[in-house]
Amino acid sequence: MSEVAVAPVQYKESGVQWLGKIPAHWEVKRIKDLSELQSGETITSQQLTDEGYPVYGGNGKRGYFSRYNLQGEYILIGRQGALCGNINYASGKFWASEHAVVVYKDKAVNTVWYGELLRIMNLNQYSLAAAQPGLSVDKIKRLELPFAPVAEQEAIADYILDHTAAIDRKIDLLGQKIKLYQTLRKTLINETVCRGLHPHAPRKDSGIEWIGEIPAHWQVRRLKDVGRVVLGKMLNNTGKAGYALKPYLKSKNITWLRPSIKVVDDMYFSPDELLSYRIKKNDLLVSEGGEVGKTCIWNDELPECYIQNSVHKITILPGNSPQYYLYLSFAMGAVGFYDSIVNQVSIKHLTWEKFIRVLVLVPPYEEQQAIAEHIEQGTRKIDAVITNLTTQIATLKELRKTLINDVVTGKLNVTA
């Protein structure tokens, strides 16, 4: 990394609320003083190809096209969607689509300095609320920001590129480690639920292609033989006399192993439906659509909850372990089994009729419990490592963000 020389700097109030004090020799300008903003040109998804010139939309590269509409080095601002206002860079020959705002900056403005300054301004807050959020370009053109002399812009850009490259390398390395531990986790689950805890026990052919041999004393049964499967209620927001408004889970709430209850909607259920669709502790919840087969176990995360028809619930029958079948379903998803059996026209669906006939492994009950406990102990250790690595990445990202914020706003003085 390059050396940083810190010199005494006089500061003044910028008069910009989000900015605070800036170096006394800096100016405050508006975005429109430094650049022109203009949306890219329309291109349809059907026109995208696998080769040619890169096409940039509101959130980075979308694909390729046989033609280009820009050449050079540009900052792009996302114009539409939930991520409107985000910042990307594009260089060379490329196509900027209508979902990106192209920043035609003044020649005296450094690209990296300006791009990172725009990034910390959180332009997404100036989007117009609608079904499809869109950036208010007229509003952001009038926003004020600090303007450093060109030589300082270049020094700041060099500092950012140098220091963030080192941070990014560390983040990438930690991300690779996370992937390795995630693979180890999948392998542990898959091998244990399909092979058991005694690798040298007598074996037989399971008759299931993706599993192969299993312990000789295990059985192979249909899912309906080990659990009662119920598909949830069709979405209906119309209430009637005697109906009750209750929370329910849909496919988006089903994540692997644990449900997501950050956002839970309500709908009306009749008295009979309350009996059929209520989730109880240790029920398995399986996604019927979207990423089919996603499975989690219900541990009374809410006092009362039900399911919509994008979710199957499996009530495991006595003499079987819900935790074992949770991990077996995870293994089935990991090897792509669910994707191989679903009905797919425009959207994948794991129908009730097909789901109940899925073949599953049935070890003795005590062995199911021992397998589930072994997996839980092993994955707990792996998850602890993944959590630690994820925390390190979050810390580095925050360090990166703080570093950029401090130098582009003049809080940290850097010289070439």
Protein backbone atom coordinates (compact mmCIF):
# COMPACT_ATOMS: atom_id res chain seq x y z
CA MET A 1 0.00 0.00 0.00
CA SER A 2 1.10 3.59 -0.60
CA GLU A 3 2.14 5.74 2.33
CA VAL A 4 -0.35 8.25 3.66
CA ALA A 5 0.86 11.68 4.76
CA VAL A 6 -1.42 13.40 7.21
CA ALA A 7 -1.04 17.17 7.32
CA PRO A 8 -2.81 19.75 9.48
CA VAL A 9 -5.95 20.90 7.70
CA GLN A 10 -8.24 23.80 8.46
CA TYR A 11 -11.94 22.97 8.29
CA LYS A 12 -15.10 24.94 7.68
CA GLU A 13 -18.81 24.24 7.90
CA SER A 14 -20.06 22.98 4.55
CA GLY A 15 -23.65 24.08 5.09
CA VAL A 16 -24.75 20.64 3.87
CA GLN A 17 -26.59 18.71 6.57
CA TRP A 18 -25.29 15.21 5.78
CA LEU A 19 -21.74 16.41 5.20
CA GLY A 20 -20.76 18.57 8.16
CA LYS A 21 -17.28 20.13 8.07
CA ILE A 22 -14.98 19.96 5.04
CA PRO A 23 -11.41 21.21 4.39
CA ALA A 24 -11.43 25.02 4.23
CA HIS A 25 -10.01 25.07 0.69
CA TRP A 26 -12.69 22.74 -0.70
CA GLU A 27 -15.87 24.00 -2.31
CA VAL A 28 -19.49 22.88 -2.20
CA LYS A 29 -21.07 22.24 -5.57
CA ARG A 30 -24.15 20.58 -6.99
CA ILE A 31 -24.15 17.35 -8.95
CA LYS A 32 -25.31 19.23 -12.03
CA ASP A 33 -22.26 21.52 -11.73
CA LEU A 34 -19.96 18.51 -12.14
CA SER A 35 -21.88 16.32 -14.56
CA GLU A 36 -24.88 15.74 -16.77
CA LEU A 37 -27.18 12.80 -16.07
CA GLN A 38 -28.96 10.95 -18.82
CA SER A 39 -30.74 7.60 -19.00
CA GLY A 40 -29.39 4.89 -21.26
CA GLU A 41 -31.21 3.43 -24.25
CA THR A 42 -33.94 0.80 -24.30
CA ILE A 43 -32.99 -2.81 -24.84
CA THR A 44 -35.22 -5.87 -24.28
CA SER A 45 -34.21 -9.07 -22.55
CA GLN A 46 -34.84 -10.91 -25.85
CA GLN A 47 -32.04 -8.88 -27.46
CA LEU A 48 -29.45 -9.97 -24.90
CA THR A 49 -26.93 -12.58 -25.98
CA ASP A 50 -24.03 -14.53 -24.46
CA GLU A 51 -21.36 -12.60 -26.34
CA GLY A 52 -20.67 -9.16 -27.74
CA TYR A 53 -20.52 -5.88 -25.83
CA PRO A 54 -21.56 -5.87 -22.14
CA VAL A 55 -24.98 -4.43 -21.32
CA TYR A 56 -25.37 -2.55 -18.03
CA GLY A 57 -28.70 -2.02 -16.32
CA GLY A 58 -29.69 -0.64 -12.96
CA ASN A 59 -27.72 -3.21 -10.99
CA GLY A 60 -24.65 -3.95 -13.06
CA LYS A 61 -24.08 -6.22 -16.04
CA ARG A 62 -27.18 -7.87 -17.55
CA GLY A 63 -25.71 -9.68 -20.54
CA TYR A 64 -24.26 -8.83 -23.94
CA PHE A 65 -25.39 -7.16 -27.17
CA SER A 66 -24.04 -6.94 -30.71
CA ARG A 67 -23.83 -3.13 -30.53
CA TYR A 68 -22.63 -0.52 -28.04
CA ASN A 69 -23.85 3.00 -27.31
CA LEU A 70 -20.97 4.27 -25.15
CA GLN A 71 -17.20 4.06 -25.16
CA GLY A 72 -14.90 5.20 -22.40
CA GLU A 73 -15.02 5.20 -18.59
CA TYR A 74 -18.34 6.03 -16.95
CA ILE A 75 -20.21 6.01 -13.67
CA LEU A 76 -23.68 4.43 -13.88
CA ILE A 77 -26.47 5.04 -11.38
CA GLY A 78 -29.31 2.55 -11.03
CA ARG A 79 -32.51 4.24 -12.21
CA GLN A 80 -35.27 1.74 -11.41
CA GLY A 81 -36.10 -1.03 -8.98
CA ALA A 82 -35.44 -1.62 -5.31
CA LEU A 83 -31.72 -0.94 -5.81
CA CYS A 84 -32.13 2.31 -7.72
CA GLY A 85 -29.44 4.81 -6.76
CA ASN A 86 -26.67 2.22 -6.55
CA ILE A 87 -23.35 2.94 -8.25
CA ASN A 88 -21.53 0.88 -10.88
CA TYR A 89 -18.59 1.54 -13.18
CA ALA A 90 -18.36 0.65 -16.86
CA SER A 91 -15.44 1.06 -19.23
CA GLY A 92 -14.51 0.31 -22.82
CA LYS A 93 -17.32 -0.26 -25.30
CA PHE A 94 -20.66 -1.13 -23.71
CA TRP A 95 -24.41 -0.59 -23.86
CA ALA A 96 -26.09 1.43 -21.10
CA SER A 97 -29.76 0.44 -20.87
CA GLU A 98 -32.73 2.58 -19.94
CA HIS A 99 -32.51 1.25 -16.37
CA ALA A 100 -29.20 3.05 -15.81
CA VAL A 101 -28.45 6.75 -15.50
CA VAL A 102 -25.19 7.59 -17.26
CA VAL A 103 -23.03 10.20 -15.53
CA TYR A 104 -21.36 12.42 -18.12
CA LYS A 105 -18.83 14.04 -15.81
CA ASP A 106 -16.67 17.06 -16.39
CA LYS A 107 -13.18 16.16 -17.62
CA ALA A 108 -11.67 17.72 -14.51
CA VAL A 109 -13.54 15.24 -12.27
CA ASN A 110 -11.86 11.97 -11.29
CA THR A 111 -14.12 8.96 -11.95
CA VAL A 112 -13.34 6.94 -8.82
CA TRP A 113 -13.44 9.95 -6.50
CA TYR A 114 -16.79 11.06 -7.93
CA GLY A 115 -18.29 7.57 -8.08
CA GLU A 116 -17.47 6.77 -4.47
CA LEU A 117 -18.71 10.17 -3.35
CA LEU A 118 -22.04 9.50 -5.08
CA ARG A 119 -22.15 6.06 -3.46
CA ILE A 120 -21.88 7.37 0.11
CA MET A 121 -24.68 9.88 -0.60
CA ASN A 122 -27.18 6.98 -0.62
CA LEU A 123 -29.08 8.16 -3.69
CA ASN A 124 -31.69 5.45 -3.18
CA GLN A 125 -33.37 7.71 -0.61
CA TYR A 126 -34.39 9.99 -3.48
CA SER A 127 -36.40 7.33 -5.30
CA LEU A 128 -40.05 7.94 -6.03
CA ALA A 129 -42.36 5.54 -4.20
CA ALA A 130 -44.26 3.37 -6.67
CA ALA A 131 -44.86 -0.28 -7.59
CA GLN A 132 -41.52 0.01 -9.42
CA PRO A 133 -39.37 2.55 -7.53
CA GLY A 134 -37.56 5.02 -9.75
CA LEU A 135 -34.84 7.56 -9.13
CA SER A 136 -35.80 11.22 -9.25
CA VAL A 137 -33.01 12.49 -11.51
CA ASP A 138 -34.22 16.09 -11.33
CA LYS A 139 -33.96 15.95 -7.56
CA ILE A 140 -30.49 14.42 -7.34
CA LYS A 141 -29.05 16.86 -9.89
CA ARG A 142 -29.59 19.61 -7.32
CA LEU A 143 -27.92 17.76 -4.44
CA GLU A 144 -24.86 19.41 -2.93
CA LEU A 145 -21.56 17.65 -2.37
CA PRO A 146 -17.94 18.53 -1.47
CA PHE A 147 -15.59 19.37 -4.31
CA ALA A 148 -11.86 18.82 -3.88
CA PRO A 149 -9.10 20.21 -6.13
CA VAL A 150 -8.25 17.85 -9.00
CA ALA A 151 -4.87 16.84 -7.53
CA GLU A 152 -6.55 15.81 -4.28
CA GLN A 153 -9.27 13.95 -6.17
CA GLU A 154 -6.59 11.87 -7.85
CA ALA A 155 -4.75 11.25 -4.57
CA ILE A 156 -8.03 10.19 -2.94
CA ALA A 157 -8.84 7.86 -5.86
CA ASP A 158 -5.39 6.23 -5.66
CA TYR A 159 -5.76 5.80 -1.91
CA ILE A 160 -9.19 4.21 -2.31
CA LEU A 161 -8.08 1.80 -5.03
CA ASP A 162 -4.96 0.80 -3.09
CA HIS A 163 -6.55 0.27 0.30
CA THR A 164 -9.87 -1.23 -0.81
CA ALA A 165 -8.05 -3.73 -3.02
CA ALA A 166 -6.34 -5.15 0.06
CA ILE A 167 -9.63 -5.26 1.96
CA ASP A 168 -11.42 -6.86 -1.00
CA ARG A 169 -8.77 -9.58 -1.20
CA LYS A 170 -9.36 -10.41 2.46
CA ILE A 171 -13.13 -10.44 1.94
CA ASP A 172 -12.77 -12.71 -1.08
CA LEU A 173 -10.54 -15.12 0.86
CA LEU A 174 -13.01 -15.26 3.75
CA GLY A 175 -15.85 -15.80 1.28
CA GLN A 176 -13.99 -18.76 -0.23
CA LYS A 177 -13.54 -20.24 3.24
CA ILE A 178 -17.28 -19.88 3.89
CA LYS A 179 -18.03 -21.78 0.67
CA LEU A 180 -15.69 -24.58 1.75
CA TYR A 181 -17.41 -24.90 5.12
CA GLN A 182 -20.84 -24.79 3.46
CA THR A 183 -19.74 -27.65 1.21
CA LEU A 184 -18.44 -29.54 4.25
CA ARG A 185 -21.83 -28.99 5.92
CA LYS A 186 -23.72 -30.38 2.92
CA THR A 187 -21.41 -33.38 2.72
CA LEU A 188 -21.83 -34.14 6.43
CA ILE A 189 -25.62 -34.07 6.16
CA ASN A 190 -25.82 -36.01 2.89
CA GLU A 191 -23.41 -38.75 3.93
CA THR A 192 -24.93 -39.25 7.37
CA VAL A 193 -28.63 -39.35 6.44
CA CYS A 194 -27.99 -41.64 3.47
CA ARG A 195 -25.21 -43.86 4.82
CA GLY A 196 -25.80 -43.91 8.57
CA LEU A 197 -23.28 -43.77 11.40
CA HIS A 198 -21.67 -47.17 10.74
CA PRO A 199 -19.91 -47.13 7.36
CA HIS A 200 -18.87 -50.79 7.56
CA ALA A 201 -22.35 -52.19 8.27
CA PRO A 202 -23.82 -54.62 5.67
CA ARG A 203 -25.38 -52.80 2.73
CA LYS A 204 -28.02 -53.23 0.05
CA ASP A 205 -29.12 -51.34 -3.04
CA SER A 206 -31.72 -48.72 -2.12
CA GLY A 207 -33.27 -48.69 -5.57
CA ILE A 208 -32.94 -44.89 -5.51
CA GLU A 209 -30.49 -43.72 -8.17
CA TRP A 210 -29.12 -40.69 -6.38
CA ILE A 211 -28.57 -42.57 -3.10
CA GLY A 212 -27.20 -45.97 -4.13
CA GLU A 213 -26.44 -48.38 -1.32
CA ILE A 214 -27.85 -48.04 2.20
CA PRO A 215 -27.52 -50.07 5.43
CA ALA A 216 -29.14 -53.46 4.88
CA HIS A 217 -31.56 -53.09 7.82
CA TRP A 218 -33.03 -49.78 6.59
CA GLN A 219 -36.32 -49.61 4.71
CA VAL A 220 -37.40 -47.55 1.71
CA ARG A 221 -40.94 -46.20 1.94
CA ARG A 222 -43.09 -43.50 0.42
CA LEU A 223 -43.27 -40.14 2.15
CA LYS A 224 -46.96 -40.69 2.91
CA ASP A 225 -45.96 -43.74 4.99
CA VAL A 226 -43.91 -41.67 7.43
CA GLY A 227 -45.83 -38.39 7.49
CA ARG A 228 -49.18 -36.75 6.82
CA VAL A 229 -48.79 -34.18 4.03
CA VAL A 230 -51.12 -31.18 3.72
CA LEU A 231 -50.91 -28.48 1.04
CA GLY A 232 -51.84 -25.02 2.32
CA LYS A 233 -54.85 -22.86 1.56
CA MET A 234 -55.30 -20.93 -1.68
CA LEU A 235 -54.77 -17.23 -1.07
CA ASN A 236 -58.06 -15.49 -0.28
CA ASN A 237 -58.32 -12.16 1.48
CA THR A 238 -62.12 -12.11 1.63
CA GLY A 239 -63.55 -12.71 5.06
CA LYS A 240 -66.95 -14.21 5.89
CA ALA A 241 -68.99 -14.63 9.02
CA GLY A 242 -67.13 -16.92 11.40
CA TYR A 243 -63.81 -16.54 9.55
CA ALA A 244 -60.68 -15.48 11.48
CA LEU A 245 -57.79 -13.33 10.24
CA LYS A 246 -54.60 -15.28 10.95
CA PRO A 247 -50.89 -15.17 10.02
CA TYR A 248 -49.71 -17.58 7.36
CA LEU A 249 -46.47 -18.65 5.70
CA LYS A 250 -45.83 -18.76 1.96
CA SER A 251 -42.94 -20.06 -0.11
CA LYS A 252 -40.87 -16.92 0.56
CA ASN A 253 -40.99 -17.70 4.29
CA ILE A 254 -39.47 -21.14 3.78
CA THR A 255 -35.68 -21.19 3.91
CA TRP A 256 -33.45 -24.19 4.37
CA LEU A 257 -33.72 -25.68 7.86
CA ARG A 258 -35.33 -22.62 9.53
CA PRO A 259 -38.35 -20.48 8.59
CA SER A 260 -38.09 -16.76 7.94
CA ILE A 261 -40.70 -14.80 9.89
CA LYS A 262 -39.43 -11.27 9.32
CA VAL A 263 -42.49 -10.55 7.15
CA VAL A 264 -45.61 -12.61 7.76
CA ASP A 265 -48.92 -11.74 6.09
CA ASP A 266 -52.47 -12.45 7.27
CA MET A 267 -55.52 -13.94 5.58
CA TYR A 268 -58.92 -15.29 6.56
CA PHE A 269 -59.49 -18.92 7.55
CA SER A 270 -62.73 -20.77 8.21
CA PRO A 271 -63.07 -22.88 11.39
CA ASP A 272 -62.34 -26.07 9.39
CA GLU A 273 -59.36 -24.45 7.69
CA LEU A 274 -57.95 -23.44 11.06
CA LEU A 275 -57.85 -27.12 11.95
CA SER A 276 -56.34 -28.27 8.63
CA TYR A 277 -53.72 -25.62 8.00
CA ARG A 278 -52.38 -24.78 11.43
CA ILE A 279 -48.66 -25.47 11.90
CA LYS A 280 -47.60 -27.32 15.01
CA LYS A 281 -44.21 -27.80 16.63
CA ASN A 282 -41.93 -30.17 14.68
CA ASP A 283 -44.00 -29.96 11.50
CA LEU A 284 -41.79 -29.84 8.42
CA LEU A 285 -42.57 -27.05 5.96
CA VAL A 286 -41.66 -27.60 2.31
CA SER A 287 -41.81 -25.07 -0.53
CA GLU A 288 -44.24 -26.13 -3.27
CA GLY A 289 -43.11 -23.43 -5.70
CA GLY A 290 -40.15 -21.14 -6.30
CA GLU A 291 -37.11 -23.05 -5.09
CA VAL A 292 -39.07 -26.26 -4.73
CA GLY A 293 -38.23 -28.57 -1.87
CA LYS A 294 -36.82 -25.96 0.51
CA THR A 295 -37.50 -27.48 3.90
CA CYS A 296 -37.51 -26.15 7.43
CA ILE A 297 -38.85 -27.31 10.78
CA TRP A 298 -41.38 -25.34 12.82
CA ASN A 299 -40.33 -24.64 16.41
CA ASP A 300 -43.26 -22.45 17.44
CA GLU A 301 -41.57 -19.30 16.13
CA LEU A 302 -45.03 -17.68 16.37
CA PRO A 303 -47.78 -18.50 18.88
CA GLU A 304 -50.13 -19.37 16.02
CA CYS A 305 -49.53 -19.72 12.28
CA TYR A 306 -50.96 -21.36 9.13
CA ILE A 307 -49.88 -22.11 5.54
CA GLN A 308 -50.78 -20.91 2.07
CA ASN A 309 -50.86 -23.27 -0.94
CA SER A 310 -47.26 -22.59 -1.91
CA VAL A 311 -46.24 -24.61 1.17
CA HIS A 312 -46.65 -28.26 2.16
CA LYS A 313 -46.60 -29.21 5.82
CA ILE A 314 -45.53 -32.68 6.86
CA THR A 315 -46.60 -33.96 10.25
CA ILE A 316 -44.19 -36.81 10.89
CA LEU A 317 -45.95 -39.88 12.24
CA PRO A 318 -45.07 -41.36 15.66
CA GLY A 319 -42.07 -43.68 15.58
CA ASN A 320 -40.17 -41.35 13.26
CA SER A 321 -37.88 -38.38 13.87
CA PRO A 322 -38.88 -35.02 12.30
CA GLN A 323 -35.28 -33.84 12.61
CA TYR A 324 -34.00 -36.84 10.63
CA TYR A 325 -36.44 -36.17 7.78
CA LEU A 326 -35.56 -32.48 7.85
CA TYR A 327 -31.94 -33.38 7.09
CA LEU A 328 -32.93 -36.04 4.56
CA SER A 329 -34.97 -33.44 2.67
CA PHE A 330 -31.99 -31.06 2.82
CA ALA A 331 -29.83 -33.74 1.20
CA MET A 332 -32.49 -34.32 -1.47
CA GLY A 333 -32.47 -30.63 -2.31
CA ALA A 334 -28.67 -30.41 -2.31
CA VAL A 335 -28.32 -33.12 -4.98
CA GLY A 336 -31.05 -31.60 -7.17
CA PHE A 337 -33.62 -34.33 -6.59
CA TYR A 338 -36.60 -31.99 -6.21
CA ASP A 339 -35.75 -30.09 -9.37
CA SER A 340 -35.67 -33.38 -11.25
CA ILE A 341 -39.25 -34.35 -10.38
CA VAL A 342 -41.22 -31.10 -10.39
CA ASN A 343 -43.86 -30.08 -12.89
CA GLN A 344 -42.67 -27.05 -14.81
CA VAL A 345 -44.59 -25.03 -17.35
CA SER A 346 -43.70 -21.43 -16.55
CA ILE A 347 -43.22 -21.91 -12.79
CA LYS A 348 -41.99 -25.02 -10.97
CA HIS A 349 -44.52 -26.83 -8.78
CA LEU A 350 -44.07 -29.77 -6.44
CA THR A 351 -47.62 -31.14 -6.46
CA TRP A 352 -49.14 -32.90 -3.48
CA GLU A 353 -49.85 -36.02 -5.58
CA LYS A 354 -46.23 -36.31 -6.63
CA PHE A 355 -44.78 -35.29 -3.27
CA ILE A 356 -46.52 -37.98 -1.20
CA ARG A 357 -45.08 -40.69 -3.48
CA VAL A 358 -41.47 -39.57 -3.06
CA LEU A 359 -39.32 -42.45 -1.76
CA VAL A 360 -37.57 -41.85 1.57
CA LEU A 361 -35.19 -43.82 3.75
CA VAL A 362 -36.51 -45.26 7.01
CA PRO A 363 -33.85 -46.29 9.53
CA PRO A 364 -35.00 -47.61 12.94
CA TYR A 365 -36.32 -44.81 15.15
CA GLU A 366 -33.37 -44.85 17.57
CA GLU A 367 -30.98 -44.64 14.64
CA GLN A 368 -32.92 -41.72 13.15
CA GLN A 369 -32.53 -39.88 16.45
CA ALA A 370 -28.81 -40.69 16.68
CA ILE A 371 -28.22 -39.52 13.09
CA ALA A 372 -30.09 -36.25 13.68
CA GLU A 373 -28.13 -35.61 16.90
CA HIS A 374 -24.81 -36.34 15.17
CA ILE A 375 -25.66 -33.92 12.35
CA GLU A 376 -26.79 -31.21 14.77
CA GLN A 377 -23.54 -31.45 16.72
CA GLY A 378 -21.42 -31.36 13.59
CA THR A 379 -23.31 -28.56 11.87
CA ARG A 380 -23.32 -26.51 15.08
CA LYS A 381 -19.53 -26.44 15.00
CA ILE A 382 -19.44 -25.64 11.28
CA ASP A 383 -22.10 -22.93 11.68
CA ALA A 384 -20.04 -21.33 14.45
CA VAL A 385 -17.07 -21.07 12.08
CA ILE A 386 -19.26 -19.68 9.27
CA THR A 387 -20.76 -17.12 11.66
CA ASN A 388 -17.29 -16.01 12.73
CA LEU A 389 -16.15 -15.66 9.11
CA THR A 390 -19.34 -13.78 8.21
CA THR A 391 -18.75 -11.38 11.11
CA GLN A 392 -15.20 -10.76 9.89
CA ILE A 393 -16.52 -9.95 6.42
CA ALA A 394 -19.11 -7.54 7.84
CA THR A 395 -16.39 -5.81 9.87
CA LEU A 396 -14.16 -5.45 6.80
CA LYS A 397 -17.03 -4.09 4.72
CA GLU A 398 -17.77 -1.52 7.39
CA LEU A 399 -14.07 -0.61 7.53
CA ARG A 400 -14.09 -0.23 3.74
CA LYS A 401 -17.16 1.99 3.88
CA THR A 402 -15.72 4.16 6.66
CA LEU A 403 -12.38 4.49 4.88
CA ILE A 404 -14.04 5.69 1.67
CA ASN A 405 -16.38 8.03 3.53
CA ASP A 406 -13.52 9.65 5.45
CA VAL A 407 -11.30 10.32 2.44
CA VAL A 408 -13.92 11.52 -0.07
CA THR A 409 -15.37 13.96 2.47
CA GLY A 410 -11.97 15.23 3.60
CA LYS A 411 -12.14 13.84 7.15
CA LEU A 412 -8.86 12.06 6.40
CA ASN A 413 -6.31 14.07 4.45
CA VAL A 414 -4.33 12.02 1.94
CA THR A 415 -1.61 13.27 -0.40
CA ALA A 416 0.13 11.61 -3.31
